[in-house]
Amino acid sequence: MRDAEAILEAAAAGHLRHLPPSISLWQATTSYVRHELTEYESLLDEGYDRDAARHFVLEDMNDTLRGWGCNREVSEEADQVT
């Protein structure tokens, strides 16, 4: 699965590799979903600030995570897990 490979690669790279595996994997997963599978980048290009763009893609992100069988969700409070 292309998505899984990209997420695992990101979780093991850079600043995330020093975090506990569960945290680095969650951070890599939510970042991947946001940037690759939602309109987040387009919203930024249209002039929305980061927080507004994150607000507008939150539901799509959680739909994707649920579709992958994930029981965790991202919330608006600084992308906290619910």
PDB file of N, CA and C in Angstrom:
ATOM      1  N   MET A   1       0.838  -1.173   0.000  1.00  0.00           N
ATOM      2  CA  MET A   1       0.000   0.000   0.000  1.00  0.00           C
ATOM      3  C   MET A   1       0.884   1.237   0.000  1.00  0.00           C
ATOM      4  N   ARG A   2       0.663   2.073  -0.973  1.00  0.00           N
ATOM      5  CA  ARG A   2       1.473   3.280  -1.159  1.00  0.00           C
ATOM      6  C   ARG A   2       1.400   4.194   0.055  1.00  0.00           C
ATOM      7  N   ASP A   3       0.209   4.373   0.606  1.00  0.00           N
ATOM      8  CA  ASP A   3       0.042   5.260   1.759  1.00  0.00           C
ATOM      9  C   ASP A   3       0.852   4.772   2.953  1.00  0.00           C
ATOM     10  N   ALA A   4       0.786   3.494   3.248  1.00  0.00           N
ATOM     11  CA  ALA A   4       1.494   2.935   4.403  1.00  0.00           C
ATOM     12  C   ALA A   4       2.995   3.109   4.263  1.00  0.00           C
ATOM     13  N   GLU A   5       3.519   2.882   3.082  1.00  0.00           N
ATOM     14  CA  GLU A   5       4.960   3.036   2.876  1.00  0.00           C
ATOM     15  C   GLU A   5       5.402   4.472   3.116  1.00  0.00           C
ATOM     16  N   ALA A   6       4.654   5.426   2.600  1.00  0.00           N
ATOM     17  CA  ALA A   6       4.999   6.840   2.781  1.00  0.00           C
ATOM     18  C   ALA A   6       4.917   7.243   4.247  1.00  0.00           C
ATOM     19  N   ILE A   7       3.902   6.762   4.943  1.00  0.00           N
ATOM     20  CA  ILE A   7       3.732   7.093   6.360  1.00  0.00           C
ATOM     21  C   ILE A   7       4.854   6.496   7.193  1.00  0.00           C
ATOM     22  N   LEU A   8       5.183   5.238   6.965  1.00  0.00           N
ATOM     23  CA  LEU A   8       6.269   4.597   7.722  1.00  0.00           C
ATOM     24  C   LEU A   8       7.604   5.274   7.460  1.00  0.00           C
ATOM     25  N   GLU A   9       7.835   5.666   6.229  1.00  0.00           N
ATOM     26  CA  GLU A   9       9.078   6.363   5.889  1.00  0.00           C
ATOM     27  C   GLU A   9       9.160   7.700   6.630  1.00  0.00           C
ATOM     28  N   ALA A  10       8.066   8.440   6.658  1.00  0.00           N
ATOM     29  CA  ALA A  10       8.050   9.730   7.355  1.00  0.00           C
ATOM     30  C   ALA A  10       8.221   9.546   8.862  1.00  0.00           C
ATOM     31  N   ALA A  11       7.594   8.521   9.426  1.00  0.00           N
ATOM     32  CA  ALA A  11       7.689   8.283  10.872  1.00  0.00           C
ATOM     33  C   ALA A  11       9.109   7.953  11.301  1.00  0.00           C
ATOM     34  N   ALA A  12       9.893   7.368  10.418  1.00  0.00           N
ATOM     35  CA  ALA A  12      11.257   6.959  10.751  1.00  0.00           C
ATOM     36  C   ALA A  12      12.295   8.022  10.391  1.00  0.00           C
ATOM     37  N   ALA A  13      11.863   9.113   9.807  1.00  0.00           N
ATOM     38  CA  ALA A  13      12.798  10.126   9.317  1.00  0.00           C
ATOM     39  C   ALA A  13      12.760  11.388  10.174  1.00  0.00           C
ATOM     40  N   GLY A  14      13.792  12.173  10.043  1.00  0.00           N
ATOM     41  CA  GLY A  14      13.834  13.503  10.633  1.00  0.00           C
ATOM     42  C   GLY A  14      13.521  13.570  12.097  1.00  0.00           C
ATOM     43  N   HIS A  15      12.818  14.624  12.475  1.00  0.00           N
ATOM     44  CA  HIS A  15      12.542  14.887  13.889  1.00  0.00           C
ATOM     45  C   HIS A  15      11.608  13.865  14.518  1.00  0.00           C
ATOM     46  N   LEU A  16      10.844  13.146  13.733  1.00  0.00           N
ATOM     47  CA  LEU A  16       9.902  12.173  14.296  1.00  0.00           C
ATOM     48  C   LEU A  16      10.583  10.913  14.809  1.00  0.00           C
ATOM     49  N   ARG A  17      11.718  10.571  14.275  1.00  0.00           N
ATOM     50  CA  ARG A  17      12.362   9.310  14.660  1.00  0.00           C
ATOM     51  C   ARG A  17      12.796   9.282  16.121  1.00  0.00           C
ATOM     52  N   HIS A  18      12.878  10.442  16.759  1.00  0.00           N
ATOM     53  CA  HIS A  18      13.296  10.507  18.161  1.00  0.00           C
ATOM     54  C   HIS A  18      12.120  10.393  19.131  1.00  0.00           C
ATOM     55  N   LEU A  19      10.915  10.379  18.599  1.00  0.00           N
ATOM     56  CA  LEU A  19       9.720  10.260  19.435  1.00  0.00           C
ATOM     57  C   LEU A  19       9.379   8.797  19.655  1.00  0.00           C
ATOM     58  N   PRO A  20       8.572   8.501  20.661  1.00  0.00           N
ATOM     59  CA  PRO A  20       8.098   7.121  20.821  1.00  0.00           C
ATOM     60  C   PRO A  20       7.366   6.690  19.540  1.00  0.00           C
ATOM     61  N   PRO A  21       7.468   5.426  19.171  1.00  0.00           N
ATOM     62  CA  PRO A  21       6.865   4.957  17.905  1.00  0.00           C
ATOM     63  C   PRO A  21       5.389   5.305  17.746  1.00  0.00           C
ATOM     64  N   SER A  22       4.607   5.193  18.803  1.00  0.00           N
ATOM     65  CA  SER A  22       3.178   5.483  18.673  1.00  0.00           C
ATOM     66  C   SER A  22       2.931   6.948  18.324  1.00  0.00           C
ATOM     67  N   ILE A  23       3.741   7.837  18.870  1.00  0.00           N
ATOM     68  CA  ILE A  23       3.584   9.271  18.593  1.00  0.00           C
ATOM     69  C   ILE A  23       4.094   9.601  17.197  1.00  0.00           C
ATOM     70  N   SER A  24       5.256   9.080  16.835  1.00  0.00           N
ATOM     71  CA  SER A  24       5.795   9.395  15.512  1.00  0.00           C
ATOM     72  C   SER A  24       4.896   8.845  14.411  1.00  0.00           C
ATOM     73  N   LEU A  25       4.331   7.683  14.620  1.00  0.00           N
ATOM     74  CA  LEU A  25       3.440   7.109  13.609  1.00  0.00           C
ATOM     75  C   LEU A  25       2.159   7.923  13.487  1.00  0.00           C
ATOM     76  N   TRP A  26       1.588   8.358  14.616  1.00  0.00           N
ATOM     77  CA  TRP A  26       0.381   9.182  14.571  1.00  0.00           C
ATOM     78  C   TRP A  26       0.658  10.515  13.880  1.00  0.00           C
ATOM     79  N   GLN A  27       1.763  11.156  14.230  1.00  0.00           N
ATOM     80  CA  GLN A  27       2.116  12.429  13.602  1.00  0.00           C
ATOM     81  C   GLN A  27       2.323  12.269  12.095  1.00  0.00           C
ATOM     82  N   ALA A  28       3.021  11.221  11.711  1.00  0.00           N
ATOM     83  CA  ALA A  28       3.261  10.972  10.291  1.00  0.00           C
ATOM     84  C   ALA A  28       1.954  10.665   9.558  1.00  0.00           C
ATOM     85  N   THR A  29       1.086   9.920  10.206  1.00  0.00           N
ATOM     86  CA  THR A  29      -0.195   9.559   9.588  1.00  0.00           C
ATOM     87  C   THR A  29      -1.066  10.784   9.383  1.00  0.00           C
ATOM     88  N   THR A  30      -1.236  11.588  10.422  1.00  0.00           N
ATOM     89  CA  THR A  30      -2.108  12.750  10.286  1.00  0.00           C
ATOM     90  C   THR A  30      -1.527  13.777   9.310  1.00  0.00           C
ATOM     91  N   SER A  31      -0.237  13.929   9.310  1.00  0.00           N
ATOM     92  CA  SER A  31       0.395  14.841   8.359  1.00  0.00           C
ATOM     93  C   SER A  31       0.194  14.357   6.923  1.00  0.00           C
ATOM     94  N   TYR A  32       0.401  13.065   6.707  1.00  0.00           N
ATOM     95  CA  TYR A  32       0.217  12.504   5.369  1.00  0.00           C
ATOM     96  C   TYR A  32      -1.220  12.685   4.895  1.00  0.00           C
ATOM     97  N   VAL A  33      -2.167  12.336   5.737  1.00  0.00           N
ATOM     98  CA  VAL A  33      -3.574  12.455   5.361  1.00  0.00           C
ATOM     99  C   VAL A  33      -3.895  13.912   5.035  1.00  0.00           C
ATOM    100  N   ARG A  34      -3.472  14.824   5.893  1.00  0.00           N
ATOM    101  CA  ARG A  34      -3.760  16.247   5.685  1.00  0.00           C
ATOM    102  C   ARG A  34      -3.177  16.753   4.368  1.00  0.00           C
ATOM    103  N   HIS A  35      -1.901  16.487   4.137  1.00  0.00           N
ATOM    104  CA  HIS A  35      -1.222  17.064   2.985  1.00  0.00           C
ATOM    105  C   HIS A  35      -1.485  16.335   1.673  1.00  0.00           C
ATOM    106  N   GLU A  36      -1.698  15.042   1.732  1.00  0.00           N
ATOM    107  CA  GLU A  36      -1.816  14.251   0.501  1.00  0.00           C
ATOM    108  C   GLU A  36      -3.247  13.880   0.118  1.00  0.00           C
ATOM    109  N   LEU A  37      -4.143  13.819   1.089  1.00  0.00           N
ATOM    110  CA  LEU A  37      -5.471  13.272   0.804  1.00  0.00           C
ATOM    111  C   LEU A  37      -6.615  14.252   1.058  1.00  0.00           C
ATOM    112  N   THR A  38      -6.286  15.512   1.333  1.00  0.00           N
ATOM    113  CA  THR A  38      -7.318  16.536   1.513  1.00  0.00           C
ATOM    114  C   THR A  38      -6.964  17.756   0.658  1.00  0.00           C
ATOM    115  N   GLU A  39      -7.795  18.752   0.737  1.00  0.00           N
ATOM    116  CA  GLU A  39      -7.591  19.998   0.000  1.00  0.00           C
ATOM    117  C   GLU A  39      -6.741  21.006   0.785  1.00  0.00           C
ATOM    118  N   TYR A  40      -6.048  20.543   1.809  1.00  0.00           N
ATOM    119  CA  TYR A  40      -5.280  21.422   2.689  1.00  0.00           C
ATOM    120  C   TYR A  40      -4.316  22.330   1.917  1.00  0.00           C
ATOM    121  N   GLU A  41      -3.516  21.757   1.067  1.00  0.00           N
ATOM    122  CA  GLU A  41      -2.526  22.549   0.320  1.00  0.00           C
ATOM    123  C   GLU A  41      -3.212  23.563  -0.592  1.00  0.00           C
ATOM    124  N   SER A  42      -4.307  23.180  -1.207  1.00  0.00           N
ATOM    125  CA  SER A  42      -5.057  24.105  -2.069  1.00  0.00           C
ATOM    126  C   SER A  42      -5.613  25.264  -1.259  1.00  0.00           C
ATOM    127  N   LEU A  43      -6.100  24.970  -0.067  1.00  0.00           N
ATOM    128  CA  LEU A  43      -6.621  26.035   0.786  1.00  0.00           C
ATOM    129  C   LEU A  43      -5.524  27.016   1.184  1.00  0.00           C
ATOM    130  N   LEU A  44      -4.346  26.502   1.490  1.00  0.00           N
ATOM    131  CA  LEU A  44      -3.218  27.383   1.803  1.00  0.00           C
ATOM    132  C   LEU A  44      -2.869  28.240   0.587  1.00  0.00           C
ATOM    133  N   ASP A  45      -2.864  27.624  -0.590  1.00  0.00           N
ATOM    134  CA  ASP A  45      -2.563  28.358  -1.827  1.00  0.00           C
ATOM    135  C   ASP A  45      -3.590  29.453  -2.102  1.00  0.00           C
ATOM    136  N   GLU A  46      -4.833  29.231  -1.658  1.00  0.00           N
ATOM    137  CA  GLU A  46      -5.901  30.214  -1.847  1.00  0.00           C
ATOM    138  C   GLU A  46      -5.830  31.350  -0.826  1.00  0.00           C
ATOM    139  N   GLY A  47      -4.930  31.238   0.145  1.00  0.00           N
ATOM    140  CA  GLY A  47      -4.747  32.307   1.106  1.00  0.00           C
ATOM    141  C   GLY A  47      -5.277  32.040   2.499  1.00  0.00           C
ATOM    142  N   TYR A  48      -5.855  30.865   2.726  1.00  0.00           N
ATOM    143  CA  TYR A  48      -6.304  30.540   4.070  1.00  0.00           C
ATOM    144  C   TYR A  48      -5.093  30.354   4.964  1.00  0.00           C
ATOM    145  N   ASP A  49      -5.215  30.781   6.229  1.00  0.00           N
ATOM    146  CA  ASP A  49      -4.115  30.519   7.144  1.00  0.00           C
ATOM    147  C   ASP A  49      -4.157  29.054   7.574  1.00  0.00           C
ATOM    148  N   ARG A  50      -3.101  28.630   8.217  1.00  0.00           N
ATOM    149  CA  ARG A  50      -2.955  27.223   8.594  1.00  0.00           C
ATOM    150  C   ARG A  50      -4.132  26.711   9.428  1.00  0.00           C
ATOM    151  N   ASP A  51      -4.541  27.484  10.434  1.00  0.00           N
ATOM    152  CA  ASP A  51      -5.627  27.036  11.302  1.00  0.00           C
ATOM    153  C   ASP A  51      -6.949  26.920  10.561  1.00  0.00           C
ATOM    154  N   ALA A  52      -7.236  27.872   9.695  1.00  0.00           N
ATOM    155  CA  ALA A  52      -8.478  27.821   8.919  1.00  0.00           C
ATOM    156  C   ALA A  52      -8.460  26.633   7.964  1.00  0.00           C
ATOM    157  N   ALA A  53      -7.342  26.422   7.298  1.00  0.00           N
ATOM    158  CA  ALA A  53      -7.228  25.295   6.371  1.00  0.00           C
ATOM    159  C   ALA A  53      -7.403  23.979   7.127  1.00  0.00           C
ATOM    160  N   ARG A  54      -6.808  23.872   8.301  1.00  0.00           N
ATOM    161  CA  ARG A  54      -6.958  22.654   9.105  1.00  0.00           C
ATOM    162  C   ARG A  54      -8.411  22.443   9.517  1.00  0.00           C
ATOM    163  N   HIS A  55      -9.105  23.519   9.852  1.00  0.00           N
ATOM    164  CA  HIS A  55     -10.514  23.422  10.210  1.00  0.00           C
ATOM    165  C   HIS A  55     -11.321  22.817   9.061  1.00  0.00           C
ATOM    166  N   PHE A  56     -11.087  23.307   7.861  1.00  0.00           N
ATOM    167  CA  PHE A  56     -11.888  22.874   6.718  1.00  0.00           C
ATOM    168  C   PHE A  56     -11.590  21.447   6.261  1.00  0.00           C
ATOM    169  N   VAL A  57     -10.439  20.898   6.607  1.00  0.00           N
ATOM    170  CA  VAL A  57     -10.124  19.521   6.184  1.00  0.00           C
ATOM    171  C   VAL A  57     -10.296  18.498   7.303  1.00  0.00           C
ATOM    172  N   LEU A  58     -10.656  18.961   8.477  1.00  0.00           N
ATOM    173  CA  LEU A  58     -10.751  18.071   9.636  1.00  0.00           C
ATOM    174  C   LEU A  58     -11.703  16.901   9.396  1.00  0.00           C
ATOM    175  N   GLU A  59     -12.881  17.164   8.893  1.00  0.00           N
ATOM    176  CA  GLU A  59     -13.863  16.094   8.670  1.00  0.00           C
ATOM    177  C   GLU A  59     -13.349  15.095   7.635  1.00  0.00           C
ATOM    178  N   ASP A  60     -12.737  15.589   6.563  1.00  0.00           N
ATOM    179  CA  ASP A  60     -12.182  14.686   5.547  1.00  0.00           C
ATOM    180  C   ASP A  60     -11.069  13.821   6.127  1.00  0.00           C
ATOM    181  N   MET A  61     -10.242  14.420   6.972  1.00  0.00           N
ATOM    182  CA  MET A  61      -9.168  13.652   7.608  1.00  0.00           C
ATOM    183  C   MET A  61      -9.739  12.524   8.455  1.00  0.00           C
ATOM    184  N   ASN A  62     -10.716  12.846   9.298  1.00  0.00           N
ATOM    185  CA  ASN A  62     -11.294  11.826  10.167  1.00  0.00           C
ATOM    186  C   ASN A  62     -12.048  10.767   9.371  1.00  0.00           C
ATOM    187  N   ASP A  63     -12.689  11.158   8.268  1.00  0.00           N
ATOM    188  CA  ASP A  63     -13.338  10.175   7.396  1.00  0.00           C
ATOM    189  C   ASP A  63     -12.312   9.194   6.835  1.00  0.00           C
ATOM    190  N   THR A  64     -11.171   9.714   6.404  1.00  0.00           N
ATOM    191  CA  THR A  64     -10.112   8.855   5.871  1.00  0.00           C
ATOM    192  C   THR A  64      -9.590   7.924   6.952  1.00  0.00           C
ATOM    193  N   LEU A  65      -9.314   8.463   8.129  1.00  0.00           N
ATOM    194  CA  LEU A  65      -8.804   7.636   9.229  1.00  0.00           C
ATOM    195  C   LEU A  65      -9.798   6.535   9.596  1.00  0.00           C
ATOM    196  N   ARG A  66     -11.082   6.881   9.678  1.00  0.00           N
ATOM    197  CA  ARG A  66     -12.104   5.859   9.966  1.00  0.00           C
ATOM    198  C   ARG A  66     -12.150   4.815   8.861  1.00  0.00           C
ATOM    199  N   GLY A  67     -12.034   5.262   7.622  1.00  0.00           N
ATOM    200  CA  GLY A  67     -12.035   4.341   6.485  1.00  0.00           C
ATOM    201  C   GLY A  67     -10.868   3.364   6.526  1.00  0.00           C
ATOM    202  N   TRP A  68      -9.796   3.769   7.166  1.00  0.00           N
ATOM    203  CA  TRP A  68      -8.631   2.891   7.332  1.00  0.00           C
ATOM    204  C   TRP A  68      -8.760   2.017   8.573  1.00  0.00           C
ATOM    205  N   GLY A  69      -9.860   2.149   9.307  1.00  0.00           N
ATOM    206  CA  GLY A  69     -10.077   1.340  10.507  1.00  0.00           C
ATOM    207  C   GLY A  69      -9.500   1.947  11.766  1.00  0.00           C
ATOM    208  N   CYS A  70      -9.161   3.219  11.732  1.00  0.00           N
ATOM    209  CA  CYS A  70      -8.572   3.892  12.890  1.00  0.00           C
ATOM    210  C   CYS A  70      -9.663   4.311  13.862  1.00  0.00           C
ATOM    211  N   ASN A  71      -9.454   4.077  15.143  1.00  0.00           N
ATOM    212  CA  ASN A  71     -10.408   4.470  16.177  1.00  0.00           C
ATOM    213  C   ASN A  71     -10.112   5.851  16.750  1.00  0.00           C
ATOM    214  N   ARG A  72      -8.986   6.439  16.377  1.00  0.00           N
ATOM    215  CA  ARG A  72      -8.617   7.759  16.853  1.00  0.00           C
ATOM    216  C   ARG A  72      -9.088   8.805  15.853  1.00  0.00           C
ATOM    217  N   GLU A  73      -9.313  10.014  16.358  1.00  0.00           N
ATOM    218  CA  GLU A  73      -9.690  11.139  15.497  1.00  0.00           C
ATOM    219  C   GLU A  73      -8.812  12.343  15.822  1.00  0.00           C
ATOM    220  N   VAL A  74      -8.780  13.259  14.896  1.00  0.00           N
ATOM    221  CA  VAL A  74      -8.107  14.521  15.089  1.00  0.00           C
ATOM    222  C   VAL A  74      -9.187  15.551  15.423  1.00  0.00           C
ATOM    223  N   SER A  75      -8.929  16.402  16.422  1.00  0.00           N
ATOM    224  CA  SER A  75      -9.881  17.459  16.766  1.00  0.00           C
ATOM    225  C   SER A  75      -9.245  18.809  16.460  1.00  0.00           C
ATOM    226  N   GLU A  76     -10.059  19.852  16.548  1.00  0.00           N
ATOM    227  CA  GLU A  76      -9.564  21.187  16.227  1.00  0.00           C
ATOM    228  C   GLU A  76      -8.615  21.748  17.272  1.00  0.00           C
ATOM    229  N   GLU A  77      -8.670  21.299  18.477  1.00  0.00           N
ATOM    230  CA  GLU A  77      -7.815  21.815  19.533  1.00  0.00           C
ATOM    231  C   GLU A  77      -6.382  21.366  19.302  1.00  0.00           C
ATOM    232  N   ALA A  78      -5.686  22.097  18.440  1.00  0.00           N
ATOM    233  CA  ALA A  78      -4.280  21.826  18.132  1.00  0.00           C
ATOM    234  C   ALA A  78      -4.075  20.386  17.672  1.00  0.00           C
ATOM    235  N   ASP A  79      -5.047  19.900  16.881  1.00  0.00           N
ATOM    236  CA  ASP A  79      -4.956  18.546  16.344  1.00  0.00           C
ATOM    237  C   ASP A  79      -4.827  17.487  17.431  1.00  0.00           C
ATOM    238  N   GLN A  80      -5.536  17.666  18.506  1.00  0.00           N
ATOM    239  CA  GLN A  80      -5.508  16.689  19.593  1.00  0.00           C
ATOM    240  C   GLN A  80      -6.281  15.437  19.209  1.00  0.00           C
ATOM    241  N   VAL A  81      -5.886  14.342  19.777  1.00  0.00           N
ATOM    242  CA  VAL A  81      -6.562  13.069  19.560  1.00  0.00           C
ATOM    243  C   VAL A  81      -7.797  13.021  20.430  1.00  0.00           C
ATOM    244  N   THR A  82      -8.902  12.517  19.859  1.00  0.00           N
ATOM    245  CA  THR A  82     -10.122  12.340  20.661  1.00  0.00           C
ATOM    246  C   THR A  82     -10.472  10.885  20.727  1.00  0.00           C
TER     247      THR A  82
END
